């Protein structure tokens, strides 16, 4: 058993009512649950109308109501060079049928380190529609198609979206993570299926934050969380390779190919900033 898992903090409704948790707590392994839902709707990609995948109406009842509401959010559609080409619902962006047709959207992954240089990880709640119960980096989500988060200069729109989601998922007060303290590093392009219905196809902006923050996680978003050292993360990766726990595919890619060299150079991250799109 990974040492940090043995010190776990489970996120629950009672914990949320109890007020903010101090940074530096840990997580416990739990079983994942698979979810799936879609409604039929029109979909427009590069000027061509298409029909999105649909499921029986009865399947709506199998999903968490709060997560279903979030499926109506409008994500930013892009081409493979990260040029904006339109907008579409979160639901349509994450249906495998639409992904197989080439639908691609903009996303971000935040890696938050405390002043001890420990990385904050989370375990996604079982209510999540894609990759429920999986362990992943601090925060992973999407900028929305609104004026503030569409702004592309210095990735400010994506950084504003990250500030919003750090508050929504982890309860971090927005004043503790202003966009100016959320640093862009690079982008990765990947595609992965969660199950037979849902998946991801994203150009993912990698963002780093270094500071101590106040945590009050939403249990509908996060099942558990902890700060880990490099050694503990390596142990987690070994556990995942043995099939003992599940990781999100984007976190697996980043951890395997990039994370440790960044972690070794937290005081000198500017050398890694680029405008490439790494195809994974």
Protein backbone atom coordinates (compact mmCIF):
# COMPACT_ATOMS: atom_id res chain seq x y z
CA UNK A 1 0.00 0.00 0.00
CA UNK A 2 1.31 3.40 -0.98
CA UNK A 3 2.29 5.37 2.15
CA UNK A 4 0.19 8.41 1.26
CA UNK A 5 -2.89 6.26 0.73
CA UNK A 6 -2.56 4.98 4.27
CA UNK A 7 -2.80 8.61 5.51
CA UNK A 8 -5.86 9.28 3.42
CA UNK A 9 -8.44 11.99 3.77
CA UNK A 10 -11.80 10.95 2.39
CA UNK A 11 -13.89 13.82 1.06
CA UNK A 12 -17.51 13.57 2.21
CA UNK A 13 -20.58 15.69 2.83
CA UNK A 14 -19.79 15.95 6.51
CA UNK A 15 -16.27 17.12 5.79
CA UNK A 16 -17.61 19.84 3.54
CA UNK A 17 -19.94 21.18 6.22
CA UNK A 18 -17.04 21.16 8.65
CA UNK A 19 -15.27 24.02 6.88
CA UNK A 20 -11.94 24.35 5.08
CA UNK A 21 -9.28 21.69 5.47
CA UNK A 22 -5.62 22.64 5.96
CA UNK A 23 -3.29 21.92 3.05
CA UNK A 24 -1.15 18.81 3.37
CA UNK A 25 -3.75 16.05 3.88
CA UNK A 26 -3.77 12.67 2.03
CA UNK A 27 -5.98 10.18 0.11
CA UNK A 28 -7.35 6.62 0.17
CA UNK A 29 -7.85 4.22 -2.69
CA UNK A 30 -11.49 3.60 -3.60
CA UNK A 31 -13.27 1.68 -6.34
CA UNK A 32 -14.30 3.58 -9.49
CA UNK A 33 -17.85 3.66 -10.87
CA UNK A 34 -18.65 4.05 -14.55
CA UNK A 35 -21.21 6.56 -15.77
CA UNK A 36 -22.73 7.39 -19.15
CA UNK A 37 -25.32 9.79 -20.52
CA UNK A 38 -26.10 11.71 -23.65
CA UNK A 39 -29.01 13.39 -25.34
CA UNK A 40 -29.42 13.73 -29.09
CA UNK A 41 -28.61 17.19 -30.47
CA UNK A 42 -27.24 18.88 -33.54
CA UNK A 43 -23.49 19.30 -33.74
CA UNK A 44 -21.57 21.67 -35.99
CA UNK A 45 -17.91 21.09 -36.81
CA UNK A 46 -16.07 23.26 -39.35
CA UNK A 47 -19.34 24.34 -40.94
CA UNK A 48 -20.98 20.89 -41.28
CA UNK A 49 -24.03 19.97 -39.21
CA UNK A 50 -23.87 16.49 -37.68
CA UNK A 51 -26.03 14.50 -35.31
CA UNK A 52 -24.62 13.78 -31.88
CA UNK A 53 -24.90 10.37 -30.29
CA UNK A 54 -27.95 9.68 -28.14
CA UNK A 55 -28.97 7.28 -25.39
CA UNK A 56 -32.36 6.19 -24.03
CA UNK A 57 -33.95 8.82 -21.82
CA UNK A 58 -34.10 6.32 -18.94
CA UNK A 59 -30.30 6.39 -18.65
CA UNK A 60 -30.48 9.95 -17.31
CA UNK A 61 -31.56 8.58 -13.95
CA UNK A 62 -28.32 6.61 -13.61
CA UNK A 63 -26.17 9.73 -13.46
CA UNK A 64 -25.48 12.32 -10.83
CA UNK A 65 -27.79 15.32 -11.34
CA UNK A 66 -25.10 17.93 -10.63
CA UNK A 67 -22.73 16.36 -13.16
CA UNK A 68 -25.50 16.12 -15.76
CA UNK A 69 -26.12 19.87 -15.41
CA UNK A 70 -22.45 20.54 -16.19
CA UNK A 71 -22.82 18.71 -19.51
CA UNK A 72 -24.61 21.81 -20.85
CA UNK A 73 -21.50 23.99 -20.44
CA UNK A 74 -20.10 25.28 -23.73
CA UNK A 75 -16.54 24.16 -24.43
CA UNK A 76 -14.19 25.73 -26.99
CA UNK A 77 -13.86 23.77 -30.23
CA UNK A 78 -10.44 23.94 -31.86
CA UNK A 79 -8.52 22.47 -34.78
CA UNK A 80 -5.31 20.47 -34.33
CA UNK A 81 -3.29 23.70 -34.24
CA UNK A 82 -5.39 24.98 -31.30
CA UNK A 83 -7.18 27.55 -33.47
CA UNK A 84 -10.71 28.26 -32.28
CA UNK A 85 -13.39 27.07 -34.71
CA UNK A 86 -16.55 27.21 -32.61
CA UNK A 87 -18.23 25.99 -29.45
CA UNK A 88 -20.11 22.88 -28.39
CA UNK A 89 -21.60 21.41 -25.23
CA UNK A 90 -19.43 19.49 -22.82
CA UNK A 91 -21.69 16.51 -23.47
CA UNK A 92 -21.12 16.50 -27.22
CA UNK A 93 -17.37 17.10 -26.80
CA UNK A 94 -17.03 13.98 -24.66
CA UNK A 95 -19.08 11.46 -26.62
CA UNK A 96 -16.84 8.89 -28.32
CA UNK A 97 -19.01 8.97 -31.44
CA UNK A 98 -18.24 12.67 -31.90
CA UNK A 99 -14.59 12.27 -30.94
CA UNK A 100 -14.26 9.62 -33.65
CA UNK A 101 -15.50 12.24 -36.11
CA UNK A 102 -12.66 14.54 -35.10
CA UNK A 103 -14.26 16.78 -32.47
CA UNK A 104 -11.46 18.41 -30.44
CA UNK A 105 -11.69 20.90 -27.56
CA UNK A 106 -9.41 23.02 -25.37
CA UNK A 107 -8.61 21.91 -21.81
CA UNK A 108 -6.13 22.47 -18.99
CA UNK A 109 -4.35 20.52 -16.26
CA UNK A 110 -3.15 22.27 -13.09
CA UNK A 111 -0.22 21.02 -11.01
CA UNK A 112 -0.19 22.77 -7.63
CA UNK A 113 2.84 22.40 -5.33
CA UNK A 114 3.04 23.60 -1.74
CA UNK A 115 6.10 25.28 -0.20
CA UNK A 116 7.50 21.83 0.66
CA UNK A 117 7.49 21.07 -3.08
CA UNK A 118 4.81 18.41 -2.63
CA UNK A 119 2.27 17.96 -5.42
CA UNK A 120 -1.46 18.07 -4.67
CA UNK A 121 -3.29 15.10 -6.22
CA UNK A 122 -6.97 14.31 -6.24
CA UNK A 123 -9.11 11.25 -6.78
CA UNK A 124 -12.07 12.02 -9.00
CA UNK A 125 -15.45 11.34 -7.45
CA UNK A 126 -17.53 8.36 -8.49
CA UNK A 127 -20.12 10.87 -9.74
CA UNK A 128 -17.83 12.04 -12.56
CA UNK A 129 -19.00 10.97 -16.01
CA UNK A 130 -15.51 10.48 -17.45
CA UNK A 131 -12.83 8.55 -15.56
CA UNK A 132 -14.71 8.29 -12.23
CA UNK A 133 -12.64 7.22 -9.24
CA UNK A 134 -9.33 7.77 -11.02
CA UNK A 135 -6.34 9.48 -9.42
CA UNK A 136 -5.09 12.57 -11.23
CA UNK A 137 -3.29 15.89 -10.92
CA UNK A 138 -4.58 18.83 -8.88
CA UNK A 139 -7.32 20.03 -11.22
CA UNK A 140 -8.35 19.16 -14.79
CA UNK A 141 -11.12 20.91 -16.71
CA UNK A 142 -12.00 23.15 -19.67
CA UNK A 143 -12.13 26.86 -20.41
CA UNK A 144 -15.62 27.85 -21.48
CA UNK A 145 -16.77 29.72 -24.54
CA UNK A 146 -17.25 33.07 -22.84
CA UNK A 147 -15.36 36.35 -23.37
CA UNK A 148 -13.13 36.06 -20.31
CA UNK A 149 -12.02 32.49 -20.98
CA UNK A 150 -11.75 32.82 -24.77
CA UNK A 151 -8.98 35.42 -24.48
CA UNK A 152 -5.81 33.81 -25.81
CA UNK A 153 -3.00 36.32 -25.14
CA UNK A 154 -0.53 34.68 -22.72
CA UNK A 155 -3.15 31.94 -22.16
CA UNK A 156 -5.01 34.33 -19.84
CA UNK A 157 -8.43 32.83 -20.65
CA UNK A 158 -7.26 29.34 -19.75
CA UNK A 159 -5.63 30.64 -16.56
CA UNK A 160 -8.90 32.36 -15.56
CA UNK A 161 -10.71 29.07 -16.15
CA UNK A 162 -8.19 27.29 -13.93
CA UNK A 163 -8.81 29.79 -11.13
CA UNK A 164 -12.56 29.18 -11.47
CA UNK A 165 -12.23 25.40 -11.34
CA UNK A 166 -9.74 25.38 -8.45
CA UNK A 167 -12.48 27.13 -6.50
CA UNK A 168 -15.27 24.87 -7.77
CA UNK A 169 -13.49 21.55 -7.20
CA UNK A 170 -11.10 22.16 -4.31
CA UNK A 171 -12.70 25.17 -2.64
CA UNK A 172 -9.51 27.22 -2.99
CA UNK A 173 -10.45 30.90 -2.51
CA UNK A 174 -10.02 32.72 -5.81
CA UNK A 175 -7.89 35.41 -4.20
CA UNK A 176 -5.34 32.72 -3.25
CA UNK A 177 -4.81 31.67 -6.88
CA UNK A 178 -5.01 34.78 -9.10
CA UNK A 179 -4.35 34.09 -12.80
CA UNK A 180 -1.04 35.94 -12.50
CA UNK A 181 0.21 33.17 -10.19
CA UNK A 182 -0.93 30.36 -12.49
CA UNK A 183 1.91 29.72 -14.91
CA UNK A 184 1.57 28.30 -18.42
CA UNK A 185 4.18 25.71 -19.44
CA UNK A 186 3.20 23.87 -22.64
CA UNK A 187 0.39 21.96 -24.40
CA UNK A 188 -0.29 18.28 -25.07
CA UNK A 189 -2.73 16.73 -27.56
CA UNK A 190 -4.17 13.35 -26.59
CA UNK A 191 -7.24 11.16 -27.06
CA UNK A 192 -8.59 8.49 -24.69
CA UNK A 193 -11.79 6.54 -24.06
CA UNK A 194 -13.31 6.40 -20.59
CA UNK A 195 -15.84 3.70 -21.51
CA UNK A 196 -17.91 2.71 -24.54
CA UNK A 197 -19.79 6.03 -24.54
CA UNK A 198 -17.56 8.74 -23.09
CA UNK A 199 -14.00 9.89 -23.74
CA UNK A 200 -11.57 12.79 -24.09
CA UNK A 201 -9.98 14.48 -27.10
CA UNK A 202 -8.18 17.60 -25.97
CA UNK A 203 -5.36 20.01 -26.41
CA UNK A 204 -4.42 20.31 -22.78
CA UNK A 205 -2.69 23.44 -21.40
CA UNK A 206 -0.23 22.52 -18.63
CA UNK A 207 -0.35 25.02 -15.74
CA UNK A 208 1.82 25.19 -12.60
CA UNK A 209 1.12 26.87 -9.25
CA UNK A 210 3.49 27.03 -6.26
CA UNK A 211 1.98 28.15 -2.95
CA UNK A 212 0.16 26.98 0.15
CA UNK A 213 -3.60 27.15 -0.24
CA UNK A 214 -6.77 26.56 1.76
CA UNK A 215 -8.73 23.45 0.68
CA UNK A 216 -12.44 22.74 1.05
CA UNK A 217 -13.17 20.13 -1.66
CA UNK A 218 -16.57 19.52 -3.17
CA UNK A 219 -17.33 15.79 -2.66
CA UNK A 220 -19.36 15.78 -5.88
CA UNK A 221 -16.09 16.52 -7.70
CA UNK A 222 -13.40 14.96 -5.52
CA UNK A 223 -13.46 11.68 -3.60
CA UNK A 224 -10.14 12.17 -1.80
CA UNK A 225 -6.93 14.16 -2.06
CA UNK A 226 -3.37 14.45 -0.75
CA UNK A 227 0.02 16.07 -1.20
CA UNK A 228 2.75 13.69 -2.36
CA UNK A 229 6.53 13.66 -2.70
CA UNK A 230 8.27 12.50 -5.88
CA UNK A 231 8.97 9.14 -4.24
CA UNK A 232 5.31 8.69 -3.30
CA UNK A 233 4.21 9.51 -6.82
CA UNK A 234 6.65 6.96 -8.25
CA UNK A 235 5.10 4.38 -5.90
CA UNK A 236 1.64 5.40 -7.08
CA UNK A 237 2.69 4.91 -10.71
CA UNK A 238 3.96 1.43 -9.87
CA UNK A 239 0.64 0.60 -8.20
CA UNK A 240 -1.17 1.78 -11.32
CA UNK A 241 1.07 -0.35 -13.55
CA UNK A 242 0.09 -3.38 -11.43
CA UNK A 243 -3.59 -2.52 -11.86
CA UNK A 244 -4.10 -1.76 -8.17
CA UNK A 245 -5.42 1.75 -8.82
CA UNK A 246 -6.50 3.76 -11.87
CA UNK A 247 -5.02 6.99 -13.20
CA UNK A 248 -6.52 9.39 -15.69
CA UNK A 249 -4.86 8.98 -19.11
CA UNK A 250 -3.67 12.60 -19.30
CA UNK A 251 -2.02 12.38 -15.89
CA UNK A 252 -0.40 9.07 -16.85
CA UNK A 253 1.04 10.65 -20.01
CA UNK A 254 2.31 13.77 -18.24
CA UNK A 255 3.78 11.81 -15.33
CA UNK A 256 5.57 9.37 -17.61
CA UNK A 257 6.95 11.87 -20.13
CA UNK A 258 7.32 15.28 -18.48
CA UNK A 259 6.47 15.72 -14.82
CA UNK A 260 9.61 14.65 -13.00
CA UNK A 261 11.98 16.86 -15.00
CA UNK A 262 9.65 19.80 -14.32
CA UNK A 263 9.46 18.86 -10.65
CA UNK A 264 13.27 18.79 -10.44
CA UNK A 265 13.36 22.36 -11.74
CA UNK A 266 10.52 24.15 -9.96
CA UNK A 267 12.73 27.20 -9.49
CA UNK A 268 13.68 27.26 -13.18
CA UNK A 269 10.51 26.38 -15.08
CA UNK A 270 10.98 29.11 -17.67
CA UNK A 271 13.36 26.84 -19.58
CA UNK A 272 10.45 24.50 -20.32
CA UNK A 273 7.94 27.10 -21.50
CA UNK A 274 7.14 26.60 -25.17
CA UNK A 275 4.37 27.05 -27.69
CA UNK A 276 4.60 23.54 -29.08
CA UNK A 277 1.75 21.08 -29.09
CA UNK A 278 3.13 17.72 -27.99
CA UNK A 279 1.23 14.96 -29.82
CA UNK A 280 0.78 11.99 -27.50
